Amino acid sequence: MSVAKAFSQLSKQLTGVVKRDEPLARYTTYRIGGPADMLIIADTLADLRAATGILDVSQIEWTVLGKGSNILAADAGYRGAVIILGRDFRKHFVREGQLITGAGAILAHVVQDAYAAGLSGLEFAVGIPGTVGGALAMNAGTADDWIGSVVSTMTVLQPGGELVGMRGHEIAWGYRTVGMPVGGITVECSLRVEEGDVLSIRRRMDSALTRRKRTQPIGLPCAGSVFRNPEGDSAGRLIESVGLKGARSGQASISEVHANFIVNHGGATAKDVLRLLHDARDTVLDRHGVELKPEIKFLGSFQ
């Protein structure tokens, strides 16, 4: 089935939004990216099942996108469908000592609502951009705390439409990685929280947020850390040590605040960012013999 026919079928069947040739720059924190063949906002589980089923039958490549906070989308766009979890996946509430949240919920909103309810356990996540699902997909967190450590259960939509529950301790959590079934989509999770003193929670959140503001660029579009930290070292330190802090390509530059961030000064292209990424990786490898591995994800063709 062609993209046009799949689009027609999806538009008739889904309650959510379906768009053609939608610029990905509108959906990534880098504000970079050409058009995707289709963009689908799946508001319900039925929408999500229908969308993935139709796309699979049509042999149209697809991917799920949160807030695009760790994504570099190609200037040429994406020859496939981008799925965003909509209305029903953005709800969160507390039940029996667990914080139940849809994967489409904004992580910052969940953290703030936990604080407002006097619930402790998510203070480390303050200031982390993106959705809960995005945070789960990369086991987001700090050097000392990460979201996988507070996951009690996850619900995953498997290829074929079956919902499968997974216990947090049975999942292979790693540094910016998570062992997930191939083709599975996390739709919901429960997080371990506990009642705490609101003032103490606020102090821990303020401390974490102050540290982020001091050590990370604020106010310019970016996608977080570009590289994973190599074991026992810091990607930012290595890039700074080879003199690339502040290096510029077009409207993108390696941040003066933290060398493991590449920022968009307005009008940067994926090509600009990729050139700086390659320069940093190649120079660090040449000078230090350390191969930096990207932490950001790439969407589309960069040839």
C-alpha atoms as a PDB file:
ATOM      1  CA  MET A   1       0.000   0.000   0.000  1.00  0.00           C
ATOM      2  CA  SER A   2       1.293   3.468  -0.886  1.00  0.00           C
ATOM      3  CA  VAL A   3       1.756   6.271   1.619  1.00  0.00           C
ATOM      4  CA  ALA A   4      -1.218   8.073   0.072  1.00  0.00           C
ATOM      5  CA  LYS A   5      -3.509   5.063   0.525  1.00  0.00           C
ATOM      6  CA  ALA A   6      -2.280   4.436   4.069  1.00  0.00           C
ATOM      7  CA  PHE A   7      -2.820   8.103   4.873  1.00  0.00           C
ATOM      8  CA  SER A   8      -6.386   7.938   3.559  1.00  0.00           C
ATOM      9  CA  GLN A   9      -7.135   4.802   5.586  1.00  0.00           C
ATOM     10  CA  LEU A  10      -5.579   6.202   8.773  1.00  0.00           C
ATOM     11  CA  SER A  11      -7.413   9.525   8.406  1.00  0.00           C
ATOM     12  CA  LYS A  12     -10.746   7.695   8.281  1.00  0.00           C
ATOM     13  CA  GLN A  13     -10.039   5.213  11.073  1.00  0.00           C
ATOM     14  CA  LEU A  14      -8.169   7.168  13.757  1.00  0.00           C
ATOM     15  CA  THR A  15      -9.652   9.640  16.236  1.00  0.00           C
ATOM     16  CA  GLY A  16      -6.287  11.408  16.485  1.00  0.00           C
ATOM     17  CA  VAL A  17      -4.522  13.651  13.976  1.00  0.00           C
ATOM     18  CA  VAL A  18      -2.881  12.396  10.773  1.00  0.00           C
ATOM     19  CA  LYS A  19      -0.746  14.764   8.670  1.00  0.00           C
ATOM     20  CA  ARG A  20       1.270  14.475   5.475  1.00  0.00           C
ATOM     21  CA  ASP A  21       4.735  15.984   4.916  1.00  0.00           C
ATOM     22  CA  GLU A  22       4.959  17.475   8.408  1.00  0.00           C
ATOM     23  CA  PRO A  23       8.269  19.247   9.231  1.00  0.00           C
ATOM     24  CA  LEU A  24      10.062  17.438  12.043  1.00  0.00           C
ATOM     25  CA  ALA A  25      11.664  20.702  13.181  1.00  0.00           C
ATOM     26  CA  ARG A  26       8.330  21.389  14.905  1.00  0.00           C
ATOM     27  CA  TYR A  27       8.673  18.241  16.991  1.00  0.00           C
ATOM     28  CA  THR A  28      12.335  18.196  18.090  1.00  0.00           C
ATOM     29  CA  THR A  29      14.065  20.296  20.728  1.00  0.00           C
ATOM     30  CA  TYR A  30      16.844  20.980  18.210  1.00  0.00           C
ATOM     31  CA  ARG A  31      14.231  22.705  15.991  1.00  0.00           C
ATOM     32  CA  ILE A  32      15.866  20.868  13.097  1.00  0.00           C
ATOM     33  CA  GLY A  33      14.455  18.388  10.599  1.00  0.00           C
ATOM     34  CA  GLY A  34      12.727  18.124   7.242  1.00  0.00           C
ATOM     35  CA  PRO A  35       9.284  16.595   6.596  1.00  0.00           C
ATOM     36  CA  ALA A  36       8.149  13.130   7.595  1.00  0.00           C
ATOM     37  CA  ASP A  37       5.955  11.345   5.072  1.00  0.00           C
ATOM     38  CA  MET A  38       3.301  11.098   7.788  1.00  0.00           C
ATOM     39  CA  LEU A  39       2.856  12.304  11.330  1.00  0.00           C
ATOM     40  CA  ILE A  40       0.281  10.492  13.445  1.00  0.00           C
ATOM     41  CA  ILE A  41      -0.974  11.555  16.864  1.00  0.00           C
ATOM     42  CA  ALA A  42      -2.502   8.412  18.383  1.00  0.00           C
ATOM     43  CA  ASP A  43      -4.943   9.564  21.070  1.00  0.00           C
ATOM     44  CA  THR A  44      -6.091   6.129  22.175  1.00  0.00           C
ATOM     45  CA  LEU A  45      -4.804   2.588  22.433  1.00  0.00           C
ATOM     46  CA  ALA A  46      -7.164   1.686  19.576  1.00  0.00           C
ATOM     47  CA  ASP A  47      -5.545   4.445  17.485  1.00  0.00           C
ATOM     48  CA  LEU A  48      -2.093   3.096  18.251  1.00  0.00           C
ATOM     49  CA  ARG A  49      -3.028  -0.478  17.409  1.00  0.00           C
ATOM     50  CA  ALA A  50      -4.691   0.601  14.170  1.00  0.00           C
ATOM     51  CA  ALA A  51      -1.829   2.878  13.137  1.00  0.00           C
ATOM     52  CA  THR A  52       0.922   0.321  13.667  1.00  0.00           C
ATOM     53  CA  GLY A  53      -1.163  -2.401  12.060  1.00  0.00           C
ATOM     54  CA  ILE A  54      -1.917  -0.384   8.916  1.00  0.00           C
ATOM     55  CA  LEU A  55       1.674   0.820   8.632  1.00  0.00           C
ATOM     56  CA  ASP A  56       3.059  -2.690   9.030  1.00  0.00           C
ATOM     57  CA  VAL A  57       0.687  -4.110   6.403  1.00  0.00           C
ATOM     58  CA  SER A  58       1.612  -1.201   4.116  1.00  0.00           C
ATOM     59  CA  GLN A  59       5.324  -1.882   4.733  1.00  0.00           C
ATOM     60  CA  ILE A  60       5.813   1.738   5.763  1.00  0.00           C
ATOM     61  CA  GLU A  61       8.619   2.313   8.235  1.00  0.00           C
ATOM     62  CA  TRP A  62       7.538   4.011  11.457  1.00  0.00           C
ATOM     63  CA  THR A  63       8.947   5.263  14.726  1.00  0.00           C
ATOM     64  CA  VAL A  64       7.534   6.636  17.974  1.00  0.00           C
ATOM     65  CA  LEU A  65       8.587  10.145  18.976  1.00  0.00           C
ATOM     66  CA  GLY A  66       8.230  11.765  22.391  1.00  0.00           C
ATOM     67  CA  LYS A  67       9.210  15.432  22.626  1.00  0.00           C
ATOM     68  CA  GLY A  68      12.205  14.839  20.362  1.00  0.00           C
ATOM     69  CA  SER A  69      14.587  15.931  23.122  1.00  0.00           C
ATOM     70  CA  ASN A  70      17.407  13.568  22.132  1.00  0.00           C
ATOM     71  CA  ILE A  71      16.778  13.441  18.369  1.00  0.00           C
ATOM     72  CA  LEU A  72      18.666  14.822  15.381  1.00  0.00           C
ATOM     73  CA  ALA A  73      16.278  14.665  12.425  1.00  0.00           C
ATOM     74  CA  ALA A  74      17.712  14.756   8.922  1.00  0.00           C
ATOM     75  CA  ASP A  75      17.385  17.871   6.784  1.00  0.00           C
ATOM     76  CA  ALA A  76      15.782  15.673   4.116  1.00  0.00           C
ATOM     77  CA  GLY A  77      13.216  14.455   6.628  1.00  0.00           C
ATOM     78  CA  TYR A  78      12.044  10.897   7.263  1.00  0.00           C
ATOM     79  CA  ARG A  79      10.655   8.519   4.663  1.00  0.00           C
ATOM     80  CA  GLY A  80       8.161   6.927   6.977  1.00  0.00           C
ATOM     81  CA  ALA A  81       5.605   7.685   9.666  1.00  0.00           C
ATOM     82  CA  VAL A  82       6.260   9.347  13.003  1.00  0.00           C
ATOM     83  CA  ILE A  83       3.840   8.364  15.772  1.00  0.00           C
ATOM     84  CA  ILE A  84       3.247  10.600  18.784  1.00  0.00           C
ATOM     85  CA  LEU A  85       1.327   9.329  21.826  1.00  0.00           C
ATOM     86  CA  GLY A  86      -1.607  11.655  22.382  1.00  0.00           C
ATOM     87  CA  ARG A  87      -4.460  12.307  24.815  1.00  0.00           C
ATOM     88  CA  ASP A  88      -4.979   8.997  26.664  1.00  0.00           C
ATOM     89  CA  PHE A  89      -1.248   8.386  27.028  1.00  0.00           C
ATOM     90  CA  ARG A  90      -0.629  11.712  28.791  1.00  0.00           C
ATOM     91  CA  LYS A  91      -2.588  10.967  31.969  1.00  0.00           C
ATOM     92  CA  HIS A  92      -0.976  10.242  35.332  1.00  0.00           C
ATOM     93  CA  PHE A  93      -2.287   9.583  38.843  1.00  0.00           C
ATOM     94  CA  VAL A  94      -1.348   7.956  42.168  1.00  0.00           C
ATOM     95  CA  ARG A  95      -2.719   4.558  43.153  1.00  0.00           C
ATOM     96  CA  GLU A  96      -1.681   2.375  46.097  1.00  0.00           C
ATOM     97  CA  GLY A  97       1.670   4.080  46.599  1.00  0.00           C
ATOM     98  CA  GLN A  98       2.546   3.958  42.900  1.00  0.00           C
ATOM     99  CA  LEU A  99       2.568   6.811  40.416  1.00  0.00           C
ATOM    100  CA  ILE A 100       0.859   5.490  37.287  1.00  0.00           C
ATOM    101  CA  THR A 101       1.729   7.453  34.160  1.00  0.00           C
ATOM    102  CA  GLY A 102       1.165   7.172  30.461  1.00  0.00           C
ATOM    103  CA  ALA A 103       4.256   7.139  28.274  1.00  0.00           C
ATOM    104  CA  GLY A 104       3.134  10.315  26.507  1.00  0.00           C
ATOM    105  CA  ALA A 105       3.060  12.387  29.705  1.00  0.00           C
ATOM    106  CA  ILE A 106       5.604  15.191  29.962  1.00  0.00           C
ATOM    107  CA  LEU A 107       8.175  14.088  32.526  1.00  0.00           C
ATOM    108  CA  ALA A 108       8.448  17.602  33.980  1.00  0.00           C
ATOM    109  CA  HIS A 109       4.689  17.640  34.661  1.00  0.00           C
ATOM    110  CA  VAL A 110       4.868  14.263  36.401  1.00  0.00           C
ATOM    111  CA  VAL A 111       7.779  15.423  38.585  1.00  0.00           C
ATOM    112  CA  GLN A 112       5.993  18.648  39.544  1.00  0.00           C
ATOM    113  CA  ASP A 113       2.721  16.863  40.320  1.00  0.00           C
ATOM    114  CA  ALA A 114       4.566  14.328  42.487  1.00  0.00           C
ATOM    115  CA  TYR A 115       6.111  17.228  44.428  1.00  0.00           C
ATOM    116  CA  ALA A 116       2.723  18.953  44.805  1.00  0.00           C
ATOM    117  CA  ALA A 117       1.308  15.718  46.250  1.00  0.00           C
ATOM    118  CA  GLY A 118       4.228  15.385  48.686  1.00  0.00           C
ATOM    119  CA  LEU A 119       5.648  12.328  46.948  1.00  0.00           C
ATOM    120  CA  SER A 120       9.386  11.676  46.903  1.00  0.00           C
ATOM    121  CA  GLY A 121      11.496   9.618  44.519  1.00  0.00           C
ATOM    122  CA  LEU A 122      11.554  11.667  41.333  1.00  0.00           C
ATOM    123  CA  GLU A 123      13.567  14.701  42.460  1.00  0.00           C
ATOM    124  CA  PHE A 124      16.554  13.656  40.337  1.00  0.00           C
ATOM    125  CA  ALA A 125      14.430  13.970  37.179  1.00  0.00           C
ATOM    126  CA  VAL A 126      13.660  17.674  37.583  1.00  0.00           C
ATOM    127  CA  GLY A 127      14.827  19.555  34.507  1.00  0.00           C
ATOM    128  CA  ILE A 128      15.042  16.458  32.297  1.00  0.00           C
ATOM    129  CA  PRO A 129      13.138  17.305  29.096  1.00  0.00           C
ATOM    130  CA  GLY A 130      10.861  15.030  27.133  1.00  0.00           C
ATOM    131  CA  THR A 131       8.151  12.486  27.828  1.00  0.00           C
ATOM    132  CA  VAL A 132       8.049   9.615  30.294  1.00  0.00           C
ATOM    133  CA  GLY A 133       8.300   7.174  27.385  1.00  0.00           C
ATOM    134  CA  GLY A 134      11.354   8.951  26.036  1.00  0.00           C
ATOM    135  CA  ALA A 135      12.975   8.892  29.461  1.00  0.00           C
ATOM    136  CA  LEU A 136      12.293   5.165  29.749  1.00  0.00           C
ATOM    137  CA  ALA A 137      13.671   4.481  26.266  1.00  0.00           C
ATOM    138  CA  MET A 138      17.068   5.935  27.207  1.00  0.00           C
ATOM    139  CA  ASN A 139      16.986   5.269  30.965  1.00  0.00           C
ATOM    140  CA  ALA A 140      17.352   9.005  31.554  1.00  0.00           C
ATOM    141  CA  GLY A 141      18.814  10.371  34.749  1.00  0.00           C
ATOM    142  CA  THR A 142      22.012  11.515  36.383  1.00  0.00           C
ATOM    143  CA  ALA A 143      25.289   9.822  37.215  1.00  0.00           C
ATOM    144  CA  ASP A 144      23.734   8.617  40.486  1.00  0.00           C
ATOM    145  CA  ASP A 145      20.015   8.166  39.761  1.00  0.00           C
ATOM    146  CA  TRP A 146      18.064   7.063  36.722  1.00  0.00           C
ATOM    147  CA  ILE A 147      14.443   6.406  35.913  1.00  0.00           C
ATOM    148  CA  GLY A 148      14.886   2.653  35.558  1.00  0.00           C
ATOM    149  CA  SER A 149      15.698   2.440  39.259  1.00  0.00           C
ATOM    150  CA  VAL A 150      12.194   3.617  40.229  1.00  0.00           C
ATOM    151  CA  VAL A 151      10.167   1.661  37.660  1.00  0.00           C
ATOM    152  CA  SER A 152       7.878  -0.890  39.246  1.00  0.00           C
ATOM    153  CA  THR A 153       6.091  -2.068  36.093  1.00  0.00           C
ATOM    154  CA  MET A 154       5.864  -1.213  32.404  1.00  0.00           C
ATOM    155  CA  THR A 155       3.099  -1.994  29.933  1.00  0.00           C
ATOM    156  CA  VAL A 156       4.282  -2.589  26.378  1.00  0.00           C
ATOM    157  CA  LEU A 157       2.267  -2.882  23.175  1.00  0.00           C
ATOM    158  CA  GLN A 158       3.804  -5.754  21.249  1.00  0.00           C
ATOM    159  CA  PRO A 159       3.811  -6.184  17.456  1.00  0.00           C
ATOM    160  CA  GLY A 160       0.434  -7.690  16.642  1.00  0.00           C
ATOM    161  CA  GLY A 161      -1.380  -5.580  19.228  1.00  0.00           C
ATOM    162  CA  GLU A 162      -0.942  -7.587  22.449  1.00  0.00           C
ATOM    163  CA  LEU A 163      -0.347  -5.699  25.699  1.00  0.00           C
ATOM    164  CA  VAL A 164       2.378  -7.216  27.870  1.00  0.00           C
ATOM    165  CA  GLY A 165       3.255  -6.266  31.431  1.00  0.00           C
ATOM    166  CA  MET A 166       6.914  -6.212  32.508  1.00  0.00           C
ATOM    167  CA  ARG A 167       8.304  -5.863  36.032  1.00  0.00           C
ATOM    168  CA  GLY A 168      10.956  -3.209  36.480  1.00  0.00           C
ATOM    169  CA  HIS A 169      13.496  -5.537  38.092  1.00  0.00           C
ATOM    170  CA  GLU A 170      13.199  -7.958  35.175  1.00  0.00           C
ATOM    171  CA  ILE A 171      14.181  -5.307  32.622  1.00  0.00           C
ATOM    172  CA  ALA A 172      17.833  -4.961  31.591  1.00  0.00           C
ATOM    173  CA  TRP A 173      18.519  -1.320  32.441  1.00  0.00           C
ATOM    174  CA  GLY A 174      21.883   0.076  31.394  1.00  0.00           C
ATOM    175  CA  TYR A 175      23.642   3.383  30.908  1.00  0.00           C
ATOM    176  CA  ARG A 176      21.282   5.192  28.524  1.00  0.00           C
ATOM    177  CA  THR A 177      19.906   1.852  27.360  1.00  0.00           C
ATOM    178  CA  VAL A 178      17.015  -0.442  28.180  1.00  0.00           C
ATOM    179  CA  GLY A 179      16.360  -4.012  27.128  1.00  0.00           C
ATOM    180  CA  MET A 180      13.024  -3.797  25.321  1.00  0.00           C
ATOM    181  CA  PRO A 181      11.244  -6.228  22.993  1.00  0.00           C
ATOM    182  CA  VAL A 182      11.962  -5.366  19.363  1.00  0.00           C
ATOM    183  CA  GLY A 183       9.085  -3.358  17.928  1.00  0.00           C
ATOM    184  CA  GLY A 184       7.449  -2.893  21.324  1.00  0.00           C
ATOM    185  CA  ILE A 185       5.957   0.461  22.367  1.00  0.00           C
ATOM    186  CA  THR A 186       5.848   1.419  26.034  1.00  0.00           C
ATOM    187  CA  VAL A 187       2.385   2.826  26.728  1.00  0.00           C
ATOM    188  CA  GLU A 188       2.338   3.075  30.528  1.00  0.00           C
ATOM    189  CA  CYS A 189       4.473   2.535  33.606  1.00  0.00           C
ATOM    190  CA  SER A 190       4.203   2.656  37.386  1.00  0.00           C
ATOM    191  CA  LEU A 191       6.913   4.452  39.367  1.00  0.00           C
ATOM    192  CA  ARG A 192       7.803   3.840  43.005  1.00  0.00           C
ATOM    193  CA  VAL A 193       7.238   6.951  45.093  1.00  0.00           C
ATOM    194  CA  GLU A 194       6.767   7.506  48.805  1.00  0.00           C
ATOM    195  CA  GLU A 195       5.329  10.174  51.023  1.00  0.00           C
ATOM    196  CA  GLY A 196       7.913  12.763  51.986  1.00  0.00           C
ATOM    197  CA  ASP A 197       8.365  16.182  53.470  1.00  0.00           C
ATOM    198  CA  VAL A 198       7.422  18.794  50.865  1.00  0.00           C
ATOM    199  CA  LEU A 199      10.154  21.203  51.938  1.00  0.00           C
ATOM    200  CA  SER A 200      12.813  18.483  51.725  1.00  0.00           C
ATOM    201  CA  ILE A 201      11.557  17.430  48.310  1.00  0.00           C
ATOM    202  CA  ARG A 202      11.653  21.056  47.147  1.00  0.00           C
ATOM    203  CA  ARG A 203      15.234  21.483  48.401  1.00  0.00           C
ATOM    204  CA  ARG A 204      16.412  18.390  46.513  1.00  0.00           C
ATOM    205  CA  MET A 205      14.643  19.548  43.367  1.00  0.00           C
ATOM    206  CA  ASP A 206      16.099  23.050  43.645  1.00  0.00           C
ATOM    207  CA  SER A 207      19.582  21.619  44.156  1.00  0.00           C
ATOM    208  CA  ALA A 208      19.269  19.357  41.092  1.00  0.00           C
ATOM    209  CA  LEU A 209      17.863  22.179  38.962  1.00  0.00           C
ATOM    210  CA  THR A 210      20.581  24.611  40.039  1.00  0.00           C
ATOM    211  CA  ARG A 211      23.236  22.070  39.110  1.00  0.00           C
ATOM    212  CA  ARG A 212      21.676  21.577  35.668  1.00  0.00           C
ATOM    213  CA  LYS A 213      21.452  25.311  35.025  1.00  0.00           C
ATOM    214  CA  ARG A 214      25.084  25.768  36.049  1.00  0.00           C
ATOM    215  CA  THR A 215      26.460  22.944  33.929  1.00  0.00           C
ATOM    216  CA  GLN A 216      24.169  22.865  30.878  1.00  0.00           C
ATOM    217  CA  PRO A 217      23.272  25.440  28.191  1.00  0.00           C
ATOM    218  CA  ILE A 218      19.908  27.065  28.825  1.00  0.00           C
ATOM    219  CA  GLY A 219      17.895  29.063  26.321  1.00  0.00           C
ATOM    220  CA  LEU A 220      19.235  27.640  23.052  1.00  0.00           C
ATOM    221  CA  PRO A 221      17.726  24.658  21.201  1.00  0.00           C
ATOM    222  CA  CYS A 222      19.714  21.468  21.730  1.00  0.00           C
ATOM    223  CA  ALA A 223      19.195  17.756  22.255  1.00  0.00           C
ATOM    224  CA  GLY A 224      20.991  17.204  25.538  1.00  0.00           C
ATOM    225  CA  SER A 225      24.258  15.319  25.750  1.00  0.00           C
ATOM    226  CA  VAL A 226      25.600  14.455  22.308  1.00  0.00           C
ATOM    227  CA  PHE A 227      27.845  11.574  23.437  1.00  0.00           C
ATOM    228  CA  ARG A 228      27.697   8.989  26.174  1.00  0.00           C
ATOM    229  CA  ASN A 229      30.365   9.405  28.811  1.00  0.00           C
ATOM    230  CA  PRO A 230      33.096   6.795  28.350  1.00  0.00           C
ATOM    231  CA  GLU A 231      33.713   4.659  31.404  1.00  0.00           C
ATOM    232  CA  GLY A 232      35.671   6.591  34.005  1.00  0.00           C
ATOM    233  CA  ASP A 233      35.729   9.851  32.054  1.00  0.00           C
ATOM    234  CA  SER A 234      33.570  12.657  30.725  1.00  0.00           C
ATOM    235  CA  ALA A 235      32.798  13.270  27.044  1.00  0.00           C
ATOM    236  CA  GLY A 236      32.597  16.986  27.760  1.00  0.00           C
ATOM    237  CA  ARG A 237      36.048  17.026  29.357  1.00  0.00           C
ATOM    238  CA  LEU A 238      37.564  15.130  26.441  1.00  0.00           C
ATOM    239  CA  ILE A 239      36.030  17.448  23.823  1.00  0.00           C
ATOM    240  CA  GLU A 240      37.114  20.534  25.752  1.00  0.00           C
ATOM    241  CA  SER A 241      40.627  19.139  26.148  1.00  0.00           C
ATOM    242  CA  VAL A 242      41.108  19.039  22.357  1.00  0.00           C
ATOM    243  CA  GLY A 243      40.144  22.704  22.015  1.00  0.00           C
ATOM    244  CA  LEU A 244      36.712  22.302  20.444  1.00  0.00           C
ATOM    245  CA  LYS A 245      34.624  24.077  23.049  1.00  0.00           C
ATOM    246  CA  GLY A 246      32.888  26.903  21.186  1.00  0.00           C
ATOM    247  CA  ALA A 247      33.674  25.471  17.726  1.00  0.00           C
ATOM    248  CA  ARG A 248      31.088  26.504  15.165  1.00  0.00           C
ATOM    249  CA  SER A 249      29.600  25.134  11.961  1.00  0.00           C
ATOM    250  CA  GLY A 250      26.993  27.329  10.330  1.00  0.00           C
ATOM    251  CA  GLN A 251      24.446  28.232  12.996  1.00  0.00           C
ATOM    252  CA  ALA A 252      25.434  25.355  15.307  1.00  0.00           C
ATOM    253  CA  SER A 253      28.200  25.360  17.886  1.00  0.00           C
ATOM    254  CA  ILE A 254      29.717  23.225  20.616  1.00  0.00           C
ATOM    255  CA  SER A 255      28.444  24.903  23.759  1.00  0.00           C
ATOM    256  CA  GLU A 256      30.699  27.243  25.718  1.00  0.00           C
ATOM    257  CA  VAL A 257      28.911  26.041  28.871  1.00  0.00           C
ATOM    258  CA  HIS A 258      29.385  22.298  28.372  1.00  0.00           C
ATOM    259  CA  ALA A 259      31.349  20.783  25.480  1.00  0.00           C
ATOM    260  CA  ASN A 260      29.109  17.697  25.269  1.00  0.00           C
ATOM    261  CA  PHE A 261      26.213  19.864  24.048  1.00  0.00           C
ATOM    262  CA  ILE A 262      25.784  21.183  20.520  1.00  0.00           C
ATOM    263  CA  VAL A 263      23.383  24.130  20.332  1.00  0.00           C
ATOM    264  CA  ASN A 264      21.338  25.729  17.569  1.00  0.00           C
ATOM    265  CA  HIS A 265      21.764  29.510  17.364  1.00  0.00           C
ATOM    266  CA  GLY A 266      18.827  29.749  14.958  1.00  0.00           C
ATOM    267  CA  GLY A 267      18.669  28.245  11.495  1.00  0.00           C
ATOM    268  CA  ALA A 268      21.176  25.435  12.135  1.00  0.00           C
ATOM    269  CA  THR A 269      20.856  22.362   9.947  1.00  0.00           C
ATOM    270  CA  ALA A 270      21.365  18.702  10.739  1.00  0.00           C
ATOM    271  CA  LYS A 271      24.440  18.903   8.501  1.00  0.00           C
ATOM    272  CA  ASP A 272      25.889  21.627  10.754  1.00  0.00           C
ATOM    273  CA  VAL A 273      25.342  19.543  13.875  1.00  0.00           C
ATOM    274  CA  LEU A 274      26.657  16.366  12.276  1.00  0.00           C
ATOM    275  CA  ARG A 275      29.851  18.119  11.145  1.00  0.00           C
ATOM    276  CA  LEU A 276      30.588  19.219  14.721  1.00  0.00           C
ATOM    277  CA  LEU A 277      29.721  15.780  16.073  1.00  0.00           C
ATOM    278  CA  HIS A 278      32.122  14.120  13.631  1.00  0.00           C
ATOM    279  CA  ASP A 279      34.864  16.675  14.361  1.00  0.00           C
ATOM    280  CA  ALA A 280      34.560  16.050  18.104  1.00  0.00           C
ATOM    281  CA  ARG A 281      34.486  12.260  17.736  1.00  0.00           C
ATOM    282  CA  ASP A 282      37.405  12.101  15.297  1.00  0.00           C
ATOM    283  CA  THR A 283      39.621  14.570  17.169  1.00  0.00           C
ATOM    284  CA  VAL A 284      39.086  12.882  20.543  1.00  0.00           C
ATOM    285  CA  LEU A 285      39.852   9.506  18.973  1.00  0.00           C
ATOM    286  CA  ASP A 286      43.019  10.872  17.357  1.00  0.00           C
ATOM    287  CA  ARG A 287      44.316  12.644  20.478  1.00  0.00           C
ATOM    288  CA  HIS A 288      43.153  10.330  23.249  1.00  0.00           C
ATOM    289  CA  GLY A 289      42.408   7.006  21.577  1.00  0.00           C
ATOM    290  CA  VAL A 290      38.867   7.115  22.986  1.00  0.00           C
ATOM    291  CA  GLU A 291      35.941   6.519  20.627  1.00  0.00           C
ATOM    292  CA  LEU A 292      32.944   8.551  21.746  1.00  0.00           C
ATOM    293  CA  LYS A 293      29.557   6.907  21.182  1.00  0.00           C
ATOM    294  CA  PRO A 294      26.554   9.108  20.319  1.00  0.00           C
ATOM    295  CA  GLU A 295      23.855   9.437  22.937  1.00  0.00           C
ATOM    296  CA  ILE A 296      21.494  11.307  20.632  1.00  0.00           C
ATOM    297  CA  LYS A 297      19.419   9.315  18.145  1.00  0.00           C
ATOM    298  CA  PHE A 298      19.305   9.948  14.397  1.00  0.00           C
ATOM    299  CA  LEU A 299      16.065  10.035  12.445  1.00  0.00           C
ATOM    300  CA  GLY A 300      16.018   9.909   8.655  1.00  0.00           C
ATOM    301  CA  SER A 301      18.734   9.584   6.022  1.00  0.00           C
ATOM    302  CA  PHE A 302      21.978  11.553   6.442  1.00  0.00           C
ATOM    303  CA  GLN A 303      23.612  10.475   3.170  1.00  0.00           C
END
